Amino acid sequence: MQISTRSFSAALAALTLMTASHAFAHGDVTPQAIDITGIDPIKDSATWVDTNPYSGNERAAEIGKHAFAQNCARCHGIDAVSGGIAPDLREKLPLGAEGDEIFKERMVNGAVRNGVTYMPKFDGIVAQEGLWAIRTWLETVSVDAPPKEVAKTEEAKPAEPAKIEEKK
């Protein structure tokens, strides 16, 4: 019985160490540049706009998905499904102006508590257009997003029943 207690203690210690290393690394991300080719630039990108200028823009959402994977997924999880380190942005970031305000605040200031960086600020490091593209993509994966319409293509239409020829 003592061996299993030691094994359990060792496993618990290893798990604690791994969790602690992730917690301390939280926010330790080097922001990556975002290629914004295909979306209109913001006129005065030195001044943050208050609402997402790309909301509903498919190209911006595509750019945002890739930018999220490079800049945010380490903490917020692949496809914004949190693994527990940072909030699940599908659920925690509201749609519309309220969510835009929260998003802007975090991008400009990051999140620092008691001298510990929980999220780096991206303002001045990554173009505002790229960050709003991330917000645009997050809108598409939000639990509050309206359901996507599925276009019926030739491949998606139900097949006609096969005709069986009778032998005479």
N, C-alpha and C. Protein backbone atom coordinates (compact mmCIF):
# COMPACT_ATOMS: atom_id res chain seq x y z
N MET A 1 0.82 -1.20 0.00
CA MET A 1 0.00 0.00 0.00
C MET A 1 0.86 1.26 0.00
N GLN A 2 2.03 1.18 0.58
CA GLN A 2 2.91 2.33 0.65
C GLN A 2 3.41 2.74 -0.74
N ILE A 3 3.63 1.78 -1.62
CA ILE A 3 4.10 2.09 -2.97
C ILE A 3 3.04 2.90 -3.72
N SER A 4 1.78 2.52 -3.61
CA SER A 4 0.74 3.26 -4.32
C SER A 4 0.58 4.67 -3.75
N THR A 5 0.79 4.83 -2.45
CA THR A 5 0.71 6.16 -1.85
C THR A 5 1.85 7.03 -2.37
N ARG A 6 3.05 6.45 -2.46
CA ARG A 6 4.19 7.20 -3.00
C ARG A 6 3.97 7.54 -4.47
N SER A 7 3.46 6.58 -5.23
CA SER A 7 3.19 6.82 -6.65
C SER A 7 2.17 7.94 -6.81
N PHE A 8 1.13 7.88 -5.98
CA PHE A 8 0.10 8.92 -6.04
C PHE A 8 0.71 10.28 -5.69
N SER A 9 1.52 10.33 -4.66
CA SER A 9 2.15 11.58 -4.24
C SER A 9 3.06 12.13 -5.34
N ALA A 10 3.82 11.24 -5.97
CA ALA A 10 4.71 11.66 -7.05
C ALA A 10 3.91 12.19 -8.24
N ALA A 11 2.83 11.49 -8.58
CA ALA A 11 1.99 11.92 -9.70
C ALA A 11 1.34 13.27 -9.39
N LEU A 12 0.88 13.43 -8.16
CA LEU A 12 0.26 14.69 -7.75
C LEU A 12 1.27 15.84 -7.79
N ALA A 13 2.49 15.58 -7.35
CA ALA A 13 3.54 16.60 -7.38
C ALA A 13 3.87 16.98 -8.82
N ALA A 14 3.95 15.99 -9.70
CA ALA A 14 4.25 16.27 -11.12
C ALA A 14 3.13 17.09 -11.76
N LEU A 15 1.90 16.73 -11.45
CA LEU A 15 0.75 17.46 -11.98
C LEU A 15 0.74 18.90 -11.48
N THR A 16 1.03 19.09 -10.21
CA THR A 16 1.08 20.43 -9.63
C THR A 16 2.17 21.27 -10.30
N LEU A 17 3.33 20.67 -10.52
CA LEU A 17 4.43 21.37 -11.17
C LEU A 17 4.07 21.77 -12.60
N MET A 18 3.44 20.86 -13.33
CA MET A 18 3.04 21.16 -14.71
C MET A 18 2.01 22.28 -14.74
N THR A 19 1.03 22.22 -13.86
CA THR A 19 -0.01 23.24 -13.81
C THR A 19 0.59 24.59 -13.44
N ALA A 20 1.48 24.60 -12.47
CA ALA A 20 2.11 25.85 -12.04
C ALA A 20 2.94 26.45 -13.17
N SER A 21 3.65 25.61 -13.92
CA SER A 21 4.46 26.16 -15.01
C SER A 21 3.59 26.79 -16.08
N HIS A 22 2.42 26.20 -16.35
CA HIS A 22 1.49 26.81 -17.30
C HIS A 22 0.94 28.12 -16.76
N ALA A 23 0.63 28.15 -15.49
CA ALA A 23 0.07 29.37 -14.90
C ALA A 23 1.09 30.51 -14.95
N PHE A 24 2.35 30.21 -14.63
CA PHE A 24 3.36 31.25 -14.65
C PHE A 24 3.71 31.68 -16.07
N ALA A 25 3.56 30.78 -17.03
CA ALA A 25 3.83 31.11 -18.43
C ALA A 25 2.69 31.88 -19.06
N HIS A 26 1.56 31.89 -18.39
CA HIS A 26 0.37 32.56 -18.91
C HIS A 26 0.70 34.02 -19.22
N GLY A 27 0.39 34.44 -20.41
CA GLY A 27 0.70 35.80 -20.81
C GLY A 27 2.08 35.94 -21.40
N ASP A 28 2.88 34.88 -21.35
CA ASP A 28 4.23 34.90 -21.88
C ASP A 28 4.19 34.49 -23.36
N VAL A 29 3.55 35.33 -24.17
CA VAL A 29 3.38 35.05 -25.58
C VAL A 29 3.96 36.21 -26.37
N THR A 30 4.76 35.91 -27.37
CA THR A 30 5.27 36.96 -28.24
C THR A 30 4.26 37.18 -29.35
N PRO A 31 3.61 38.34 -29.39
CA PRO A 31 2.61 38.59 -30.42
C PRO A 31 3.19 38.45 -31.83
N GLN A 32 2.44 37.82 -32.71
CA GLN A 32 2.84 37.60 -34.09
C GLN A 32 2.12 38.58 -35.00
N ALA A 33 2.81 39.04 -36.03
CA ALA A 33 2.20 39.95 -37.00
C ALA A 33 1.04 39.24 -37.70
N ILE A 34 0.05 40.02 -38.11
CA ILE A 34 -1.13 39.48 -38.77
C ILE A 34 -1.22 40.07 -40.17
N ASP A 35 -1.29 39.21 -41.17
CA ASP A 35 -1.43 39.65 -42.56
C ASP A 35 -2.89 40.05 -42.79
N ILE A 36 -3.13 41.32 -43.02
CA ILE A 36 -4.51 41.82 -43.17
C ILE A 36 -4.89 42.03 -44.63
N THR A 37 -4.16 41.41 -45.54
CA THR A 37 -4.48 41.53 -46.96
C THR A 37 -5.91 41.09 -47.21
N GLY A 38 -6.68 41.95 -47.85
CA GLY A 38 -8.05 41.60 -48.19
C GLY A 38 -9.11 42.30 -47.36
N ILE A 39 -8.68 43.06 -46.34
CA ILE A 39 -9.66 43.85 -45.58
C ILE A 39 -9.25 45.32 -45.64
N ASP A 40 -10.25 46.19 -45.58
CA ASP A 40 -9.98 47.62 -45.66
C ASP A 40 -9.25 48.10 -44.42
N PRO A 41 -8.21 48.92 -44.61
CA PRO A 41 -7.51 49.46 -43.44
C PRO A 41 -8.38 50.49 -42.71
N ILE A 42 -8.13 50.63 -41.43
CA ILE A 42 -8.81 51.64 -40.63
C ILE A 42 -8.14 52.98 -40.91
N LYS A 43 -8.93 54.03 -41.15
CA LYS A 43 -8.38 55.33 -41.57
C LYS A 43 -7.28 55.82 -40.64
N ASP A 44 -7.58 55.95 -39.38
CA ASP A 44 -6.59 56.42 -38.41
C ASP A 44 -6.32 55.27 -37.45
N SER A 45 -5.45 54.36 -37.86
CA SER A 45 -5.25 53.16 -37.04
C SER A 45 -4.51 53.44 -35.74
N ALA A 46 -4.01 54.67 -35.56
CA ALA A 46 -3.36 55.01 -34.30
C ALA A 46 -4.40 55.23 -33.20
N THR A 47 -5.64 55.52 -33.59
CA THR A 47 -6.72 55.72 -32.64
C THR A 47 -7.67 54.53 -32.73
N TRP A 48 -7.89 53.88 -31.61
CA TRP A 48 -8.76 52.70 -31.60
C TRP A 48 -10.21 53.08 -31.88
N VAL A 49 -10.85 52.32 -32.76
CA VAL A 49 -12.28 52.50 -32.99
C VAL A 49 -13.02 51.79 -31.86
N ASP A 50 -14.25 52.22 -31.60
CA ASP A 50 -15.00 51.67 -30.47
C ASP A 50 -15.75 50.38 -30.79
N THR A 51 -16.09 50.20 -32.05
CA THR A 51 -16.83 48.99 -32.43
C THR A 51 -16.12 48.29 -33.57
N ASN A 52 -16.35 47.01 -33.68
CA ASN A 52 -15.69 46.18 -34.68
C ASN A 52 -16.09 46.61 -36.09
N PRO A 53 -15.14 47.14 -36.87
CA PRO A 53 -15.47 47.59 -38.22
C PRO A 53 -15.64 46.44 -39.21
N TYR A 54 -15.29 45.23 -38.81
CA TYR A 54 -15.34 44.08 -39.73
C TYR A 54 -16.40 43.06 -39.36
N SER A 55 -17.25 43.37 -38.42
CA SER A 55 -18.28 42.42 -37.99
C SER A 55 -19.06 41.90 -39.20
N GLY A 56 -19.12 40.58 -39.33
CA GLY A 56 -19.83 39.95 -40.44
C GLY A 56 -19.02 39.81 -41.71
N ASN A 57 -17.79 40.31 -41.74
CA ASN A 57 -16.94 40.25 -42.93
C ASN A 57 -16.25 38.88 -42.98
N GLU A 58 -16.57 38.08 -43.99
CA GLU A 58 -16.04 36.72 -44.08
C GLU A 58 -14.52 36.69 -44.20
N ARG A 59 -13.95 37.61 -44.98
CA ARG A 59 -12.49 37.63 -45.14
C ARG A 59 -11.82 37.98 -43.81
N ALA A 60 -12.39 38.93 -43.09
CA ALA A 60 -11.83 39.29 -41.78
C ALA A 60 -11.91 38.11 -40.83
N ALA A 61 -13.01 37.36 -40.86
CA ALA A 61 -13.15 36.19 -39.99
C ALA A 61 -12.11 35.13 -40.33
N GLU A 62 -11.83 34.96 -41.62
CA GLU A 62 -10.81 33.99 -42.04
C GLU A 62 -9.43 34.41 -41.53
N ILE A 63 -9.11 35.69 -41.69
CA ILE A 63 -7.84 36.22 -41.18
C ILE A 63 -7.80 36.06 -39.66
N GLY A 64 -8.90 36.38 -39.01
CA GLY A 64 -8.97 36.29 -37.55
C GLY A 64 -8.77 34.89 -37.02
N LYS A 65 -9.28 33.90 -37.73
CA LYS A 65 -9.12 32.51 -37.28
C LYS A 65 -7.64 32.14 -37.24
N HIS A 66 -6.91 32.49 -38.30
CA HIS A 66 -5.47 32.18 -38.34
C HIS A 66 -4.70 33.01 -37.32
N ALA A 67 -5.08 34.27 -37.18
CA ALA A 67 -4.40 35.14 -36.21
C ALA A 67 -4.64 34.67 -34.78
N PHE A 68 -5.85 34.19 -34.50
CA PHE A 68 -6.15 33.65 -33.17
C PHE A 68 -5.26 32.45 -32.89
N ALA A 69 -5.12 31.57 -33.87
CA ALA A 69 -4.28 30.38 -33.70
C ALA A 69 -2.84 30.76 -33.36
N GLN A 70 -2.33 31.83 -33.97
CA GLN A 70 -0.96 32.26 -33.74
C GLN A 70 -0.77 33.04 -32.44
N ASN A 71 -1.76 33.82 -32.07
CA ASN A 71 -1.58 34.76 -30.96
C ASN A 71 -2.35 34.44 -29.68
N CYS A 72 -3.41 33.65 -29.78
CA CYS A 72 -4.31 33.52 -28.64
C CYS A 72 -4.53 32.08 -28.17
N ALA A 73 -4.40 31.13 -29.09
CA ALA A 73 -4.77 29.74 -28.78
C ALA A 73 -3.92 29.13 -27.67
N ARG A 74 -2.71 29.61 -27.49
CA ARG A 74 -1.86 29.04 -26.44
C ARG A 74 -2.53 29.11 -25.07
N CYS A 75 -3.23 30.19 -24.82
CA CYS A 75 -3.90 30.35 -23.53
C CYS A 75 -5.41 30.11 -23.62
N HIS A 76 -6.03 30.60 -24.70
CA HIS A 76 -7.50 30.51 -24.81
C HIS A 76 -7.97 29.24 -25.49
N GLY A 77 -7.04 28.41 -25.97
CA GLY A 77 -7.39 27.12 -26.55
C GLY A 77 -7.63 27.16 -28.04
N ILE A 78 -7.41 26.01 -28.67
CA ILE A 78 -7.65 25.88 -30.10
C ILE A 78 -9.13 26.13 -30.37
N ASP A 79 -9.41 26.92 -31.39
CA ASP A 79 -10.78 27.29 -31.75
C ASP A 79 -11.52 27.97 -30.60
N ALA A 80 -10.78 28.62 -29.70
CA ALA A 80 -11.32 29.37 -28.57
C ALA A 80 -11.98 28.49 -27.51
N VAL A 81 -11.73 27.18 -27.57
CA VAL A 81 -12.24 26.25 -26.56
C VAL A 81 -11.18 26.18 -25.47
N SER A 82 -11.41 26.85 -24.36
CA SER A 82 -10.40 26.96 -23.31
C SER A 82 -10.08 25.61 -22.68
N GLY A 83 -8.81 25.44 -22.41
CA GLY A 83 -8.36 24.27 -21.68
C GLY A 83 -8.24 24.56 -20.20
N GLY A 84 -8.70 25.72 -19.77
CA GLY A 84 -8.71 26.04 -18.35
C GLY A 84 -7.73 27.12 -17.94
N ILE A 85 -6.78 27.47 -18.81
CA ILE A 85 -5.80 28.49 -18.44
C ILE A 85 -6.42 29.88 -18.49
N ALA A 86 -7.13 30.16 -19.57
CA ALA A 86 -7.74 31.48 -19.77
C ALA A 86 -9.21 31.28 -20.12
N PRO A 87 -10.00 32.34 -20.06
CA PRO A 87 -11.44 32.19 -20.33
C PRO A 87 -11.75 31.61 -21.71
N ASP A 88 -12.84 30.87 -21.77
CA ASP A 88 -13.37 30.34 -23.02
C ASP A 88 -14.08 31.51 -23.70
N LEU A 89 -13.48 32.02 -24.76
CA LEU A 89 -14.00 33.23 -25.38
C LEU A 89 -15.29 33.00 -26.17
N ARG A 90 -15.65 31.77 -26.41
CA ARG A 90 -16.93 31.48 -27.07
C ARG A 90 -18.08 31.82 -26.13
N GLU A 91 -17.81 31.72 -24.83
CA GLU A 91 -18.85 31.93 -23.83
C GLU A 91 -18.70 33.24 -23.07
N LYS A 92 -17.47 33.70 -22.88
CA LYS A 92 -17.22 34.84 -22.00
C LYS A 92 -17.19 36.20 -22.69
N LEU A 93 -17.19 36.21 -24.02
CA LEU A 93 -17.11 37.48 -24.74
C LEU A 93 -18.42 37.72 -25.47
N PRO A 94 -19.25 38.64 -24.96
CA PRO A 94 -20.56 38.86 -25.58
C PRO A 94 -20.44 39.41 -27.00
N LEU A 95 -21.49 39.22 -27.77
CA LEU A 95 -21.57 39.80 -29.11
C LEU A 95 -21.91 41.28 -28.99
N GLY A 96 -21.74 42.02 -30.07
CA GLY A 96 -22.16 43.42 -30.12
C GLY A 96 -21.22 44.38 -29.41
N ALA A 97 -21.75 45.57 -29.15
CA ALA A 97 -20.96 46.67 -28.60
C ALA A 97 -20.34 46.33 -27.24
N GLU A 98 -21.07 45.60 -26.40
CA GLU A 98 -20.53 45.24 -25.08
C GLU A 98 -19.27 44.39 -25.23
N GLY A 99 -19.33 43.40 -26.09
CA GLY A 99 -18.16 42.55 -26.33
C GLY A 99 -17.03 43.30 -26.99
N ASP A 100 -17.37 44.23 -27.91
CA ASP A 100 -16.34 45.05 -28.56
C ASP A 100 -15.58 45.87 -27.52
N GLU A 101 -16.31 46.43 -26.56
CA GLU A 101 -15.70 47.25 -25.52
C GLU A 101 -14.74 46.42 -24.66
N ILE A 102 -15.17 45.22 -24.28
CA ILE A 102 -14.32 44.33 -23.48
C ILE A 102 -13.08 43.93 -24.28
N PHE A 103 -13.29 43.57 -25.55
CA PHE A 103 -12.19 43.15 -26.42
C PHE A 103 -11.17 44.28 -26.56
N LYS A 104 -11.65 45.48 -26.86
CA LYS A 104 -10.76 46.64 -27.02
C LYS A 104 -9.94 46.88 -25.75
N GLU A 105 -10.59 46.83 -24.60
CA GLU A 105 -9.91 47.03 -23.31
C GLU A 105 -8.76 46.05 -23.13
N ARG A 106 -9.00 44.78 -23.43
CA ARG A 106 -7.96 43.76 -23.26
C ARG A 106 -6.84 43.92 -24.28
N MET A 107 -7.18 44.29 -25.51
CA MET A 107 -6.15 44.46 -26.54
C MET A 107 -5.25 45.65 -26.21
N VAL A 108 -5.85 46.72 -25.72
CA VAL A 108 -5.09 47.94 -25.43
C VAL A 108 -4.28 47.79 -24.14
N ASN A 109 -4.87 47.21 -23.11
CA ASN A 109 -4.22 47.18 -21.80
C ASN A 109 -3.72 45.82 -21.35
N GLY A 110 -4.16 44.75 -21.98
CA GLY A 110 -3.81 43.42 -21.50
C GLY A 110 -4.49 43.17 -20.16
N ALA A 111 -3.97 42.22 -19.42
CA ALA A 111 -4.51 41.92 -18.09
C ALA A 111 -3.34 41.68 -17.15
N VAL A 112 -3.17 42.57 -16.19
CA VAL A 112 -2.11 42.47 -15.19
C VAL A 112 -2.75 42.58 -13.82
N ARG A 113 -2.48 41.60 -12.97
CA ARG A 113 -2.98 41.64 -11.59
C ARG A 113 -1.82 41.34 -10.65
N ASN A 114 -1.68 42.19 -9.65
CA ASN A 114 -0.63 42.02 -8.65
C ASN A 114 0.75 41.89 -9.29
N GLY A 115 0.96 42.64 -10.37
CA GLY A 115 2.25 42.63 -11.05
C GLY A 115 2.49 41.45 -11.96
N VAL A 116 1.52 40.56 -12.08
CA VAL A 116 1.66 39.37 -12.93
C VAL A 116 0.86 39.60 -14.21
N THR A 117 1.52 39.39 -15.36
CA THR A 117 0.84 39.53 -16.64
C THR A 117 0.07 38.26 -16.95
N TYR A 118 -1.24 38.39 -17.01
CA TYR A 118 -2.10 37.26 -17.36
C TYR A 118 -2.39 37.25 -18.85
N MET A 119 -2.33 38.43 -19.46
CA MET A 119 -2.49 38.55 -20.90
C MET A 119 -1.70 39.77 -21.35
N PRO A 120 -0.86 39.61 -22.38
CA PRO A 120 -0.09 40.77 -22.83
C PRO A 120 -0.98 41.76 -23.57
N LYS A 121 -0.55 43.02 -23.57
CA LYS A 121 -1.29 43.99 -24.38
C LYS A 121 -0.77 43.87 -25.82
N PHE A 122 -1.66 44.08 -26.76
CA PHE A 122 -1.30 43.94 -28.17
C PHE A 122 -1.27 45.29 -28.88
N ASP A 123 -1.81 46.33 -28.25
CA ASP A 123 -1.84 47.66 -28.85
C ASP A 123 -0.43 48.14 -29.13
N GLY A 124 -0.20 48.63 -30.35
CA GLY A 124 1.11 49.12 -30.73
C GLY A 124 2.07 48.02 -31.15
N ILE A 125 1.68 46.77 -30.97
CA ILE A 125 2.52 45.64 -31.34
C ILE A 125 1.94 44.93 -32.56
N VAL A 126 0.63 44.75 -32.55
CA VAL A 126 -0.08 44.11 -33.66
C VAL A 126 -1.09 45.13 -34.19
N ALA A 127 -1.22 45.19 -35.51
CA ALA A 127 -2.13 46.16 -36.14
C ALA A 127 -3.56 45.98 -35.63
N GLN A 128 -4.21 47.11 -35.38
CA GLN A 128 -5.59 47.11 -34.91
C GLN A 128 -6.51 46.32 -35.85
N GLU A 129 -6.27 46.42 -37.16
CA GLU A 129 -7.08 45.69 -38.13
C GLU A 129 -7.02 44.19 -37.88
N GLY A 130 -5.83 43.68 -37.60
CA GLY A 130 -5.67 42.25 -37.33
C GLY A 130 -6.36 41.83 -36.05
N LEU A 131 -6.33 42.69 -35.06
CA LEU A 131 -6.99 42.37 -33.79
C LEU A 131 -8.50 42.36 -33.95
N TRP A 132 -9.04 43.33 -34.71
CA TRP A 132 -10.48 43.33 -34.96
C TRP A 132 -10.87 42.12 -35.83
N ALA A 133 -9.96 41.65 -36.66
CA ALA A 133 -10.24 40.43 -37.44
C ALA A 133 -10.39 39.25 -36.49
N ILE A 134 -9.57 39.19 -35.45
CA ILE A 134 -9.72 38.13 -34.44
C ILE A 134 -11.09 38.24 -33.79
N ARG A 135 -11.48 39.44 -33.43
CA ARG A 135 -12.81 39.66 -32.83
C ARG A 135 -13.91 39.19 -33.79
N THR A 136 -13.75 39.48 -35.08
CA THR A 136 -14.73 39.07 -36.08
C THR A 136 -14.86 37.55 -36.09
N TRP A 137 -13.73 36.85 -36.05
CA TRP A 137 -13.79 35.38 -36.03
C TRP A 137 -14.42 34.89 -34.73
N LEU A 138 -14.08 35.51 -33.61
CA LEU A 138 -14.67 35.10 -32.33
C LEU A 138 -16.19 35.24 -32.35
N GLU A 139 -16.70 36.23 -33.07
CA GLU A 139 -18.15 36.39 -33.20
C GLU A 139 -18.77 35.17 -33.88
N THR A 140 -18.04 34.55 -34.80
CA THR A 140 -18.59 33.41 -35.54
C THR A 140 -18.62 32.13 -34.71
N VAL A 141 -17.78 32.05 -33.68
CA VAL A 141 -17.74 30.83 -32.85
C VAL A 141 -18.42 31.03 -31.50
N SER A 142 -18.95 32.22 -31.28
CA SER A 142 -19.64 32.51 -30.02
C SER A 142 -20.84 31.59 -29.83
N VAL A 143 -21.08 31.20 -28.58
CA VAL A 143 -22.27 30.38 -28.30
C VAL A 143 -23.54 31.16 -28.59
N ASP A 144 -23.45 32.47 -28.68
CA ASP A 144 -24.60 33.32 -28.97
C ASP A 144 -24.75 33.63 -30.46
N ALA A 145 -23.82 33.14 -31.28
CA ALA A 145 -23.88 33.42 -32.72
C ALA A 145 -25.10 32.74 -33.33
N PRO A 146 -25.74 33.43 -34.28
CA PRO A 146 -26.87 32.79 -34.95
C PRO A 146 -26.39 31.57 -35.74
N PRO A 147 -27.26 30.57 -35.91
CA PRO A 147 -26.84 29.38 -36.65
C PRO A 147 -26.47 29.74 -38.09
N LYS A 148 -25.47 29.04 -38.60
CA LYS A 148 -25.03 29.29 -39.97
C LYS A 148 -26.00 28.65 -40.94
N GLU A 149 -26.26 29.36 -42.02
CA GLU A 149 -27.10 28.78 -43.06
C GLU A 149 -26.25 27.84 -43.89
N VAL A 150 -26.82 26.72 -44.24
CA VAL A 150 -26.11 25.74 -45.05
C VAL A 150 -26.64 25.84 -46.47
N ALA A 151 -25.75 26.17 -47.38
CA ALA A 151 -26.15 26.28 -48.78
C ALA A 151 -26.30 24.88 -49.36
N LYS A 152 -27.35 24.69 -50.12
CA LYS A 152 -27.55 23.39 -50.77
C LYS A 152 -26.81 23.39 -52.09
N THR A 153 -25.82 22.56 -52.17
CA THR A 153 -25.09 22.41 -53.42
C THR A 153 -25.59 21.14 -54.09
N GLU A 154 -25.11 20.91 -55.27
CA GLU A 154 -25.51 19.69 -55.99
C GLU A 154 -25.15 18.46 -55.16
N GLU A 155 -23.99 18.51 -54.51
CA GLU A 155 -23.54 17.37 -53.71
C GLU A 155 -24.39 17.17 -52.46
N ALA A 156 -24.96 18.26 -51.94
CA ALA A 156 -25.70 18.18 -50.69
C ALA A 156 -27.16 17.79 -50.89
N LYS A 157 -27.65 17.86 -52.12
CA LYS A 157 -29.04 17.51 -52.38
C LYS A 157 -29.22 16.00 -52.25
N PRO A 158 -30.39 15.57 -51.78
CA PRO A 158 -30.60 14.13 -51.67
C PRO A 158 -30.57 13.48 -53.04
N ALA A 159 -30.02 12.30 -53.08
CA ALA A 159 -29.93 11.57 -54.34
C ALA A 159 -31.29 11.02 -54.72
N GLU A 160 -31.50 10.94 -56.02
CA GLU A 160 -32.75 10.35 -56.50
C GLU A 160 -32.62 8.84 -56.37
N PRO A 161 -33.74 8.17 -56.10
CA PRO A 161 -33.67 6.72 -55.99
C PRO A 161 -33.23 6.10 -57.31
N ALA A 162 -32.46 5.06 -57.19
CA ALA A 162 -31.98 4.37 -58.39
C ALA A 162 -33.13 3.66 -59.09
N LYS A 163 -33.09 3.68 -60.40
CA LYS A 163 -34.11 2.99 -61.18
C LYS A 163 -33.66 1.56 -61.41
N ILE A 164 -34.55 0.65 -61.15
CA ILE A 164 -34.23 -0.76 -61.34
C ILE A 164 -34.93 -1.23 -62.61
N GLU A 165 -34.14 -1.72 -63.51
CA GLU A 165 -34.72 -2.21 -64.76
C GLU A 165 -35.17 -3.64 -64.56
N GLU A 166 -36.35 -3.91 -65.06
CA GLU A 166 -36.88 -5.27 -64.97
C GLU A 166 -36.46 -6.06 -66.20
N LYS A 167 -36.11 -7.32 -66.00
CA LYS A 167 -35.75 -8.18 -67.12
C LYS A 167 -37.01 -8.74 -67.74
N LYS A 168 -37.05 -8.76 -69.03
CA LYS A 168 -38.23 -9.29 -69.72
C LYS A 168 -37.98 -10.62 -70.30
